[in-house]
C-alpha atoms as a PDB file:
ATOM      1  CA  MET A   1    -106.499  36.658  88.765  1.00  0.00           C
ATOM      2  CA  SER A   2    -103.427  38.731  89.847  1.00  0.00           C
ATOM      3  CA  TYR A   3    -102.403  40.013  93.415  1.00  0.00           C
ATOM      4  CA  ARG A   4    -102.694  43.769  94.086  1.00  0.00           C
ATOM      5  CA  SER A   5     -98.945  44.178  95.072  1.00  0.00           C
ATOM      6  CA  PRO A   6     -95.584  42.469  94.965  1.00  0.00           C
ATOM      7  CA  LEU A   7     -95.786  42.538  98.531  1.00  0.00           C
ATOM      8  CA  GLU A   8     -99.173  40.427  98.600  1.00  0.00           C
ATOM      9  CA  ALA A   9     -97.580  38.019  96.133  1.00  0.00           C
ATOM     10  CA  ARG A  10     -94.522  37.414  98.344  1.00  0.00           C
ATOM     11  CA  ILE A  11     -96.481  36.844 101.285  1.00  0.00           C
ATOM     12  CA  ALA A  12     -98.734  34.450  99.361  1.00  0.00           C
ATOM     13  CA  LYS A  13     -96.117  32.571  98.319  1.00  0.00           C
ATOM     14  CA  LYS A  14     -94.779  32.053 101.733  1.00  0.00           C
ATOM     15  CA  THR A  15     -97.875  31.120 103.112  1.00  0.00           C
ATOM     16  CA  THR A  16     -98.451  28.805 100.492  1.00  0.00           C
ATOM     17  CA  LYS A  17     -95.055  27.061 100.736  1.00  0.00           C
ATOM     18  CA  ALA A  18     -95.866  26.601 104.678  1.00  0.00           C
ATOM     19  CA  ILE A  19     -99.102  25.192 103.568  1.00  0.00           C
ATOM     20  CA  LYS A  20     -97.756  22.368 101.389  1.00  0.00           C
ATOM     21  CA  ASP A  21     -94.508  21.746 103.466  1.00  0.00           C
ATOM     22  CA  PHE A  22     -96.561  21.053 107.011  1.00  0.00           C
ATOM     23  CA  ASN A  23     -99.920  20.142 105.260  1.00  0.00           C
ATOM     24  CA  LEU A  24    -101.922  22.853 106.959  1.00  0.00           C
ATOM     25  CA  ILE A  25    -104.939  23.229 105.074  1.00  0.00           C
ATOM     26  CA  GLU A  26    -106.801  20.443 103.268  1.00  0.00           C
ATOM     27  CA  GLU A  27    -109.710  19.793 100.840  1.00  0.00           C
ATOM     28  CA  GLY A  28    -112.952  20.544 102.476  1.00  0.00           C
ATOM     29  CA  ASP A  29    -111.680  22.323 105.504  1.00  0.00           C
ATOM     30  CA  ARG A  30    -113.116  24.849 107.453  1.00  0.00           C
ATOM     31  CA  VAL A  31    -110.558  26.972 108.650  1.00  0.00           C
ATOM     32  CA  MET A  32    -111.323  29.249 111.644  1.00  0.00           C
ATOM     33  CA  VAL A  33    -108.858  32.095 111.953  1.00  0.00           C
ATOM     34  CA  GLY A  34    -108.205  33.642 115.661  1.00  0.00           C
ATOM     35  CA  LEU A  35    -109.072  37.582 114.952  1.00  0.00           C
ATOM     36  CA  SER A  36    -107.249  39.542 117.337  1.00  0.00           C
ATOM     37  CA  GLY A  37    -107.571  42.800 115.719  1.00  0.00           C
ATOM     38  CA  GLY A  38    -103.617  42.758 115.531  1.00  0.00           C
ATOM     39  CA  LYS A  39    -101.819  43.225 112.784  1.00  0.00           C
ATOM     40  CA  ASP A  40    -100.902  39.440 112.244  1.00  0.00           C
ATOM     41  CA  SER A  41    -104.423  37.809 112.409  1.00  0.00           C
ATOM     42  CA  TRP A  42    -105.541  40.674 110.049  1.00  0.00           C
ATOM     43  CA  ALA A  43    -103.054  39.897 107.642  1.00  0.00           C
ATOM     44  CA  LEU A  44    -103.741  36.172 108.036  1.00  0.00           C
ATOM     45  CA  LEU A  45    -107.349  36.111 107.432  1.00  0.00           C
ATOM     46  CA  GLN A  46    -106.715  38.746 104.076  1.00  0.00           C
ATOM     47  CA  ILE A  47    -104.120  36.378 102.810  1.00  0.00           C
ATOM     48  CA  LEU A  48    -106.001  33.387 103.373  1.00  0.00           C
ATOM     49  CA  ASP A  49    -109.239  34.431 101.696  1.00  0.00           C
ATOM     50  CA  GLU A  50    -106.682  35.665  98.744  1.00  0.00           C
ATOM     51  CA  LEU A  51    -105.451  32.019  98.360  1.00  0.00           C
ATOM     52  CA  ARG A  52    -109.000  30.471  99.032  1.00  0.00           C
ATOM     53  CA  GLN A  53    -110.078  32.299  95.839  1.00  0.00           C
ATOM     54  CA  ARG A  54    -107.199  30.679  93.883  1.00  0.00           C
ATOM     55  CA  ALA A  55    -106.212  27.447  95.598  1.00  0.00           C
ATOM     56  CA  PRO A  56    -106.639  24.327  93.478  1.00  0.00           C
ATOM     57  CA  ILE A  57    -108.896  22.766  96.554  1.00  0.00           C
ATOM     58  CA  THR A  58    -111.725  24.058  98.246  1.00  0.00           C
ATOM     59  CA  PHE A  59    -111.880  25.570 101.835  1.00  0.00           C
ATOM     60  CA  SER A  60    -113.854  28.111 103.908  1.00  0.00           C
ATOM     61  CA  LEU A  61    -112.735  30.536 106.397  1.00  0.00           C
ATOM     62  CA  ILE A  62    -114.586  31.835 109.603  1.00  0.00           C
ATOM     63  CA  ALA A  63    -112.855  34.379 111.632  1.00  0.00           C
ATOM     64  CA  VAL A  64    -113.501  34.061 115.516  1.00  0.00           C
ATOM     65  CA  ASN A  65    -112.811  37.095 117.892  1.00  0.00           C
ATOM     66  CA  VAL A  66    -112.467  36.356 121.644  1.00  0.00           C
ATOM     67  CA  ASP A  67    -113.488  39.469 123.534  1.00  0.00           C
ATOM     68  CA  SER A  68    -111.699  39.584 126.824  1.00  0.00           C
ATOM     69  CA  GLY A  69    -114.143  41.752 128.491  1.00  0.00           C
ATOM     70  CA  TYR A  70    -112.118  44.944 128.525  1.00  0.00           C
ATOM     71  CA  LYS A  71    -114.485  47.846 128.087  1.00  0.00           C
ATOM     72  CA  ASP A  72    -112.526  49.888 125.415  1.00  0.00           C
ATOM     73  CA  TYR A  73    -112.191  47.046 123.190  1.00  0.00           C
ATOM     74  CA  LYS A  74    -112.805  47.828 119.779  1.00  0.00           C
ATOM     75  CA  HIS A  75    -114.922  44.775 118.638  1.00  0.00           C
ATOM     76  CA  ASP A  76    -117.394  46.797 116.569  1.00  0.00           C
ATOM     77  CA  VAL A  77    -114.528  47.989 114.468  1.00  0.00           C
ATOM     78  CA  ILE A  78    -113.611  44.140 113.710  1.00  0.00           C
ATOM     79  CA  ALA A  79    -117.162  43.411 113.092  1.00  0.00           C
ATOM     80  CA  LYS A  80    -117.736  46.359 110.553  1.00  0.00           C
ATOM     81  CA  THR A  81    -114.471  45.627 108.606  1.00  0.00           C
ATOM     82  CA  CYS A  82    -115.372  41.737 108.488  1.00  0.00           C
ATOM     83  CA  ARG A  83    -118.973  42.637 107.109  1.00  0.00           C
ATOM     84  CA  GLU A  84    -117.600  45.134 104.430  1.00  0.00           C
ATOM     85  CA  ARG A  85    -115.179  42.482 103.330  1.00  0.00           C
ATOM     86  CA  GLY A  86    -117.746  39.699 103.068  1.00  0.00           C
ATOM     87  CA  TRP A  87    -115.800  37.756 105.580  1.00  0.00           C
ATOM     88  CA  ASP A  88    -117.842  35.347 108.202  1.00  0.00           C
ATOM     89  CA  LEU A  89    -117.414  36.334 111.872  1.00  0.00           C
ATOM     90  CA  ARG A  90    -118.350  35.488 115.822  1.00  0.00           C
ATOM     91  CA  ILE A  91    -117.764  37.226 118.438  1.00  0.00           C
ATOM     92  CA  GLU A  92    -117.414  35.301 121.659  1.00  0.00           C
ATOM     93  CA  HIS A  93    -117.653  37.500 124.541  1.00  0.00           C
ATOM     94  CA  THR A  94    -115.870  36.426 127.690  1.00  0.00           C
ATOM     95  CA  SER A  95    -115.140  37.722 131.228  1.00  0.00           C
ATOM     96  CA  ILE A  96    -111.240  36.629 130.843  1.00  0.00           C
ATOM     97  CA  GLY A  97    -110.241  40.067 132.184  1.00  0.00           C
ATOM     98  CA  GLU A  98    -112.492  39.999 135.371  1.00  0.00           C
ATOM     99  CA  VAL A  99    -111.162  36.734 136.240  1.00  0.00           C
ATOM    100  CA  MET A 100    -107.479  37.130 135.428  1.00  0.00           C
ATOM    101  CA  ASP A 101    -106.299  38.122 138.850  1.00  0.00           C
ATOM    102  CA  ASP A 102    -108.261  35.513 140.886  1.00  0.00           C
ATOM    103  CA  ILE A 103    -106.560  32.785 138.985  1.00  0.00           C
ATOM    104  CA  LEU A 104    -103.123  34.031 138.267  1.00  0.00           C
ATOM    105  CA  ASP A 105    -100.559  31.946 140.013  1.00  0.00           C
ATOM    106  CA  ALA A 106     -97.485  33.937 141.738  1.00  0.00           C
ATOM    107  CA  GLY A 107     -94.795  34.593 139.178  1.00  0.00           C
ATOM    108  CA  ALA A 108     -96.889  33.918 136.335  1.00  0.00           C
ATOM    109  CA  THR A 109     -97.369  36.419 133.611  1.00  0.00           C
ATOM    110  CA  PRO A 110    -100.878  37.533 132.626  1.00  0.00           C
ATOM    111  CA  CYS A 111    -100.121  37.376 129.038  1.00  0.00           C
ATOM    112  CA  SER A 112     -99.240  33.672 129.251  1.00  0.00           C
ATOM    113  CA  LEU A 113    -102.410  33.080 131.173  1.00  0.00           C
ATOM    114  CA  CYS A 114    -104.815  34.930 128.793  1.00  0.00           C
ATOM    115  CA  ALA A 115    -103.374  33.170 125.980  1.00  0.00           C
ATOM    116  CA  ARG A 116    -104.213  29.605 127.532  1.00  0.00           C
ATOM    117  CA  LEU A 117    -107.965  30.739 128.647  1.00  0.00           C
ATOM    118  CA  ARG A 118    -108.705  31.923 125.138  1.00  0.00           C
ATOM    119  CA  ARG A 119    -107.140  29.084 123.420  1.00  0.00           C
ATOM    120  CA  GLY A 120    -109.725  27.157 125.371  1.00  0.00           C
ATOM    121  CA  VAL A 121    -112.313  29.291 124.030  1.00  0.00           C
ATOM    122  CA  LEU A 122    -111.169  29.231 120.714  1.00  0.00           C
ATOM    123  CA  TYR A 123    -111.207  25.201 121.121  1.00  0.00           C
ATOM    124  CA  ARG A 124    -114.827  25.303 122.305  1.00  0.00           C
ATOM    125  CA  VAL A 125    -115.970  27.621 119.598  1.00  0.00           C
ATOM    126  CA  ALA A 126    -114.226  25.557 116.922  1.00  0.00           C
ATOM    127  CA  THR A 127    -116.136  22.748 117.961  1.00  0.00           C
ATOM    128  CA  GLU A 128    -119.464  24.731 117.969  1.00  0.00           C
ATOM    129  CA  VAL A 129    -119.049  26.246 114.245  1.00  0.00           C
ATOM    130  CA  GLY A 130    -117.778  22.848 112.749  1.00  0.00           C
ATOM    131  CA  ALA A 131    -113.905  24.249 112.323  1.00  0.00           C
ATOM    132  CA  THR A 132    -111.370  21.756 111.007  1.00  0.00           C
ATOM    133  CA  LYS A 133    -108.702  23.603 111.700  1.00  0.00           C
ATOM    134  CA  ILE A 134    -107.535  26.731 114.035  1.00  0.00           C
ATOM    135  CA  ALA A 135    -105.192  29.113 112.368  1.00  0.00           C
ATOM    136  CA  LEU A 136    -103.474  31.464 114.415  1.00  0.00           C
ATOM    137  CA  GLY A 137    -101.260  34.718 113.208  1.00  0.00           C
ATOM    138  CA  HIS A 138     -97.936  33.687 114.359  1.00  0.00           C
ATOM    139  CA  HIS A 139     -95.312  34.735 112.090  1.00  0.00           C
ATOM    140  CA  LEU A 140     -91.566  33.904 111.370  1.00  0.00           C
ATOM    141  CA  ASP A 141     -90.280  36.352 114.301  1.00  0.00           C
ATOM    142  CA  ASP A 142     -92.569  34.725 116.626  1.00  0.00           C
ATOM    143  CA  PHE A 143     -91.130  31.269 116.005  1.00  0.00           C
ATOM    144  CA  ILE A 144     -87.426  32.276 116.853  1.00  0.00           C
ATOM    145  CA  GLU A 145     -88.493  34.903 119.666  1.00  0.00           C
ATOM    146  CA  THR A 146     -90.198  31.720 121.251  1.00  0.00           C
ATOM    147  CA  LEU A 147     -87.242  29.456 120.745  1.00  0.00           C
ATOM    148  CA  LEU A 148     -84.873  32.528 122.287  1.00  0.00           C
ATOM    149  CA  LEU A 149     -87.279  33.141 125.206  1.00  0.00           C
ATOM    150  CA  ASN A 150     -87.181  29.470 126.032  1.00  0.00           C
ATOM    151  CA  VAL A 151     -83.618  28.849 125.654  1.00  0.00           C
ATOM    152  CA  PHE A 152     -82.719  32.000 128.009  1.00  0.00           C
ATOM    153  CA  PHE A 153     -85.580  32.454 130.665  1.00  0.00           C
ATOM    154  CA  ALA A 154     -87.372  28.849 130.545  1.00  0.00           C
ATOM    155  CA  GLY A 155     -84.356  26.317 130.374  1.00  0.00           C
ATOM    156  CA  ALA A 156     -86.038  24.723 127.440  1.00  0.00           C
ATOM    157  CA  LEU A 157     -85.155  23.957 123.866  1.00  0.00           C
ATOM    158  CA  LYS A 158     -88.420  24.297 122.060  1.00  0.00           C
ATOM    159  CA  ALA A 159     -90.410  26.970 120.016  1.00  0.00           C
ATOM    160  CA  MET A 160     -93.907  26.139 118.378  1.00  0.00           C
ATOM    161  CA  PRO A 161     -95.063  24.132 115.465  1.00  0.00           C
ATOM    162  CA  ALA A 162     -96.444  25.008 112.540  1.00  0.00           C
ATOM    163  CA  ARG A 163     -99.051  22.272 112.817  1.00  0.00           C
ATOM    164  CA  LEU A 164    -100.211  21.027 116.239  1.00  0.00           C
ATOM    165  CA  VAL A 165    -102.720  18.414 117.197  1.00  0.00           C
ATOM    166  CA  SER A 166    -104.127  19.099 120.640  1.00  0.00           C
ATOM    167  CA  ASP A 167    -103.927  16.845 123.765  1.00  0.00           C
ATOM    168  CA  SER A 168    -107.381  15.555 123.324  1.00  0.00           C
ATOM    169  CA  ALA A 169    -106.729  15.153 119.328  1.00  0.00           C
ATOM    170  CA  GLU A 170    -109.906  17.376 118.938  1.00  0.00           C
ATOM    171  CA  HIS A 171    -108.269  20.259 117.260  1.00  0.00           C
ATOM    172  CA  VAL A 172    -105.867  21.210 114.785  1.00  0.00           C
ATOM    173  CA  VAL A 173    -104.023  24.562 115.373  1.00  0.00           C
ATOM    174  CA  ILE A 174    -102.107  25.740 112.224  1.00  0.00           C
ATOM    175  CA  ARG A 175     -99.599  28.735 111.664  1.00  0.00           C
ATOM    176  CA  PRO A 176     -99.419  29.419 107.882  1.00  0.00           C
ATOM    177  CA  PHE A 177     -97.339  32.456 108.481  1.00  0.00           C
ATOM    178  CA  ALA A 178     -94.166  30.399 109.832  1.00  0.00           C
ATOM    179  CA  TYR A 179     -92.217  31.817 106.745  1.00  0.00           C
ATOM    180  CA  VAL A 180     -93.393  35.389 106.999  1.00  0.00           C
ATOM    181  CA  GLU A 181     -91.781  38.104 108.523  1.00  0.00           C
ATOM    182  CA  GLU A 182     -93.186  40.734 111.263  1.00  0.00           C
ATOM    183  CA  ALA A 183     -92.429  43.403 109.225  1.00  0.00           C
ATOM    184  CA  GLU A 184     -94.117  41.861 106.190  1.00  0.00           C
ATOM    185  CA  ALA A 185     -97.444  41.472 107.795  1.00  0.00           C
ATOM    186  CA  ARG A 186     -97.212  44.869 109.148  1.00  0.00           C
ATOM    187  CA  VAL A 187     -96.740  46.749 105.876  1.00  0.00           C
ATOM    188  CA  TYR A 188     -99.515  44.290 103.961  1.00  0.00           C
ATOM    189  CA  CYS A 189    -101.919  45.156 106.928  1.00  0.00           C
ATOM    190  CA  LYS A 190    -101.459  48.873 106.081  1.00  0.00           C
ATOM    191  CA  GLU A 191    -101.391  48.312 102.586  1.00  0.00           C
ATOM    192  CA  ARG A 192    -104.911  46.480 102.431  1.00  0.00           C
ATOM    193  CA  GLU A 193    -106.248  49.335 104.983  1.00  0.00           C
ATOM    194  CA  LEU A 194    -106.780  46.798 107.923  1.00  0.00           C
ATOM    195  CA  PRO A 195    -107.669  48.765 111.418  1.00  0.00           C
ATOM    196  CA  ILE A 196    -104.898  47.405 114.004  1.00  0.00           C
ATOM    197  CA  ILE A 197    -106.664  47.224 117.148  1.00  0.00           C
ATOM    198  CA  GLY A 198    -104.087  47.017 119.892  1.00  0.00           C
ATOM    199  CA  CYS A 199    -104.755  44.942 123.576  1.00  0.00           C
ATOM    200  CA  CYS A 200    -106.531  46.562 126.010  1.00  0.00           C
ATOM    201  CA  CYS A 201    -105.204  44.928 129.157  1.00  0.00           C
ATOM    202  CA  PRO A 202    -103.599  47.141 131.072  1.00  0.00           C
ATOM    203  CA  ALA A 203    -100.543  45.131 132.047  1.00  0.00           C
ATOM    204  CA  CYS A 204     -99.447  44.615 128.499  1.00  0.00           C
ATOM    205  CA  GLY A 205     -97.480  47.404 128.163  1.00  0.00           C
ATOM    206  CA  ASP A 206     -95.416  46.423 131.276  1.00  0.00           C
ATOM    207  CA  LEU A 207     -95.222  42.953 130.453  1.00  0.00           C
ATOM    208  CA  GLY A 208     -93.151  41.506 127.524  1.00  0.00           C
ATOM    209  CA  LEU A 209     -90.041  42.855 128.453  1.00  0.00           C
ATOM    210  CA  GLN A 210     -88.185  39.449 128.134  1.00  0.00           C
ATOM    211  CA  ARG A 211     -89.687  39.633 124.640  1.00  0.00           C
ATOM    212  CA  GLN A 212     -88.626  42.955 123.755  1.00  0.00           C
ATOM    213  CA  ARG A 213     -85.316  42.194 124.671  1.00  0.00           C
ATOM    214  CA  VAL A 214     -84.982  39.124 122.512  1.00  0.00           C
ATOM    215  CA  LYS A 215     -86.469  41.084 119.688  1.00  0.00           C
ATOM    216  CA  ARG A 216     -83.932  43.965 120.041  1.00  0.00           C
ATOM    217  CA  LEU A 217     -81.067  41.335 119.985  1.00  0.00           C
ATOM    218  CA  ILE A 218     -82.388  39.808 117.005  1.00  0.00           C
ATOM    219  CA  MET A 219     -82.895  42.996 114.835  1.00  0.00           C
ATOM    220  CA  ASP A 220     -79.131  44.027 115.950  1.00  0.00           C
ATOM    221  CA  LEU A 221     -77.779  40.404 115.048  1.00  0.00           C
ATOM    222  CA  GLU A 222     -79.765  40.790 111.570  1.00  0.00           C
ATOM    223  CA  VAL A 223     -78.179  44.220 111.123  1.00  0.00           C
ATOM    224  CA  GLU A 224     -74.559  42.864 111.527  1.00  0.00           C
ATOM    225  CA  HIS A 225     -75.544  39.481 110.252  1.00  0.00           C
ATOM    226  CA  PRO A 226     -78.024  39.699 107.221  1.00  0.00           C
ATOM    227  CA  GLY A 227     -79.900  36.232 107.267  1.00  0.00           C
ATOM    228  CA  VAL A 228     -79.563  35.567 110.834  1.00  0.00           C
ATOM    229  CA  LYS A 229     -83.446  34.755 111.270  1.00  0.00           C
ATOM    230  CA  GLN A 230     -83.441  33.002 108.164  1.00  0.00           C
ATOM    231  CA  SER A 231     -80.407  30.570 109.901  1.00  0.00           C
ATOM    232  CA  MET A 232     -82.296  30.475 113.146  1.00  0.00           C
ATOM    233  CA  LEU A 233     -85.542  29.312 111.608  1.00  0.00           C
ATOM    234  CA  LYS A 234     -83.768  26.883 109.479  1.00  0.00           C
ATOM    235  CA  ALA A 235     -82.461  25.353 112.723  1.00  0.00           C
ATOM    236  CA  LEU A 236     -85.716  24.879 113.945  1.00  0.00           C
ATOM    237  CA  SER A 237     -86.050  21.940 111.251  1.00  0.00           C
ATOM    238  CA  ASN A 238     -82.557  20.869 111.337  1.00  0.00           C
ATOM    239  CA  VAL A 239     -82.327  19.479 114.816  1.00  0.00           C
ATOM    240  CA  MET A 240     -79.463  16.926 115.927  1.00  0.00           C
ATOM    241  CA  PRO A 241     -80.765  15.170 119.147  1.00  0.00           C
ATOM    242  CA  ARG A 242     -77.544  13.103 119.706  1.00  0.00           C
ATOM    243  CA  HIS A 243     -75.534  16.493 119.866  1.00  0.00           C
ATOM    244  CA  LEU A 244     -78.046  17.681 122.881  1.00  0.00           C
ATOM    245  CA  LEU A 245     -77.680  16.802 126.838  1.00  0.00           C
ATOM    246  CA  ASP A 246     -81.643  15.423 127.011  1.00  0.00           C
ATOM    247  CA  THR A 247     -80.994  11.689 127.777  1.00  0.00           C
ATOM    248  CA  ARG A 248     -84.505  11.224 126.719  1.00  0.00           C
ATOM    249  CA  LEU A 249     -83.142  11.631 123.409  1.00  0.00           C
ATOM    250  CA  ASN A 250     -79.761  10.572 123.923  1.00  0.00           C
ATOM    251  CA  PRO A 251     -79.458   7.792 126.866  1.00  0.00           C
ATOM    252  CA  SER A 252     -76.419   8.217 128.912  1.00  0.00           C
ATOM    253  CA  GLY A 253     -74.141   5.651 128.170  1.00  0.00           C
ATOM    254  CA  GLU A 254     -75.563   4.559 125.054  1.00  0.00           C
ATOM    255  CA  LEU A 255     -73.877   4.505 121.530  1.00  0.00           C
ATOM    256  CA  ARG A 256     -76.359   4.718 119.034  1.00  0.00           C
ATOM    257  CA  GLU A 257     -74.865   1.867 117.311  1.00  0.00           C
ATOM    258  CA  ARG A 258     -75.716  -1.105 115.893  1.00  0.00           C
ATOM    259  CA  ALA A 259     -73.716  -4.291 115.313  1.00  0.00           C
ATOM    260  CA  PHE A 260     -73.680  -6.587 112.550  1.00  0.00           C
ATOM    261  CA  ARG A 261     -71.616  -8.993 110.648  1.00  0.00           C
ATOM    262  CA  GLY A 262     -70.724  -8.534 107.294  1.00  0.00           C
ATOM    263  CA  PRO A 263     -70.651 -11.216 104.214  1.00  0.00           C
ATOM    264  CA  GLN A 264     -66.579 -12.017 105.130  1.00  0.00           C
ATOM    265  CA  GLY A 265     -67.623 -12.387 108.852  1.00  0.00           C
ATOM    266  CA  ALA A 266     -66.087  -8.846 109.873  1.00  0.00           C
ATOM    267  CA  LEU A 267     -67.776  -7.289 112.800  1.00  0.00           C
ATOM    268  CA  ARG A 268     -68.774  -3.852 112.077  1.00  0.00           C
ATOM    269  CA  LEU A 269     -70.157  -0.794 114.647  1.00  0.00           C
ATOM    270  CA  GLU A 270     -72.454   1.405 112.185  1.00  0.00           C
ATOM    271  CA  ASP A 271     -73.468   4.743 113.574  1.00  0.00           C
ATOM    272  CA  GLU A 272     -76.766   5.722 112.642  1.00  0.00           C
ATOM    273  CA  GLY A 273     -75.554   9.232 111.827  1.00  0.00           C
ATOM    274  CA  PRO A 274     -73.934  10.544 108.983  1.00  0.00           C
ATOM    275  CA  GLY A 275     -70.547   9.083 110.056  1.00  0.00           C
ATOM    276  CA  LEU A 276     -69.564   5.314 109.952  1.00  0.00           C
ATOM    277  CA  ILE A 277     -67.383   3.383 112.713  1.00  0.00           C
ATOM    278  CA  GLN A 278     -65.949   0.209 111.313  1.00  0.00           C
ATOM    279  CA  ILE A 279     -64.214  -2.355 113.458  1.00  0.00           C
ATOM    280  CA  GLN A 280     -62.827  -5.030 111.389  1.00  0.00           C
ATOM    281  CA  THR A 281     -62.150  -8.727 112.810  1.00  0.00           C
ATOM    282  CA  SER A 282     -60.241 -11.299 111.333  1.00  0.00           C
ATOM    283  CA  ASN A 283     -62.208 -14.576 109.993  1.00  0.00           C
ATOM    284  CA  ALA A 284     -59.232 -16.209 109.679  1.00  0.00           C
ATOM    285  CA  GLY A 285     -58.406 -19.901 111.441  1.00  0.00           C
END
């Protein structure tokens, strides 16, 4: 069984690599895909279904759509598409949209709060449907954009993990598109004729300005320096804590060295990094 196009084969290869690198899907898993109706979640569901039919392990899929309650949201289109393609689907109707204004803290963005509320619903539904993994459609661009957003606007050096165990340790969130670029997901969605449904939240068009600025910055850099996105992704797995200012990782005044005496009585201070500091002391007399 061959893939339908070179693009599908490329995305499948990248997704498979992420699954192997981060141990995202295992034998017997029931993977619940968070299906928003956007290009990323559709592409993820489609490619996981392709991989499911070819994988040397057995796992099942179920799509879950969290309906925030906006009247123009086309959950009927999502249901029809999943039914036509033989995908299990559960639509969870909520009133998230109605309660946003009541619980939104001053200065907080509706998008971040909405994401947290939707995540809570996904956790609950995952337990109800017996899912062992919750798959989200975050792609390579999301990883590096989130990194820069946190650096520029939140004062934190963090992005998102490919595999995350929830605080309660009851759920495992996976992101199999860690190596897949946004443009690839967009074209693949069109290629497989999946209906892209935009968010109906009235605030979405005005919020994300910081993310859009970061997205443009990365695009400009990629034009000037091809490969910069791959370099940034690599940086997320090539962290050097001793070269940062976080005293929790590199306690102030403490050199990460250990002293020991060699076979001839020499005192050596060995750096735990790639370099080696040696202080020789005489054993004579």
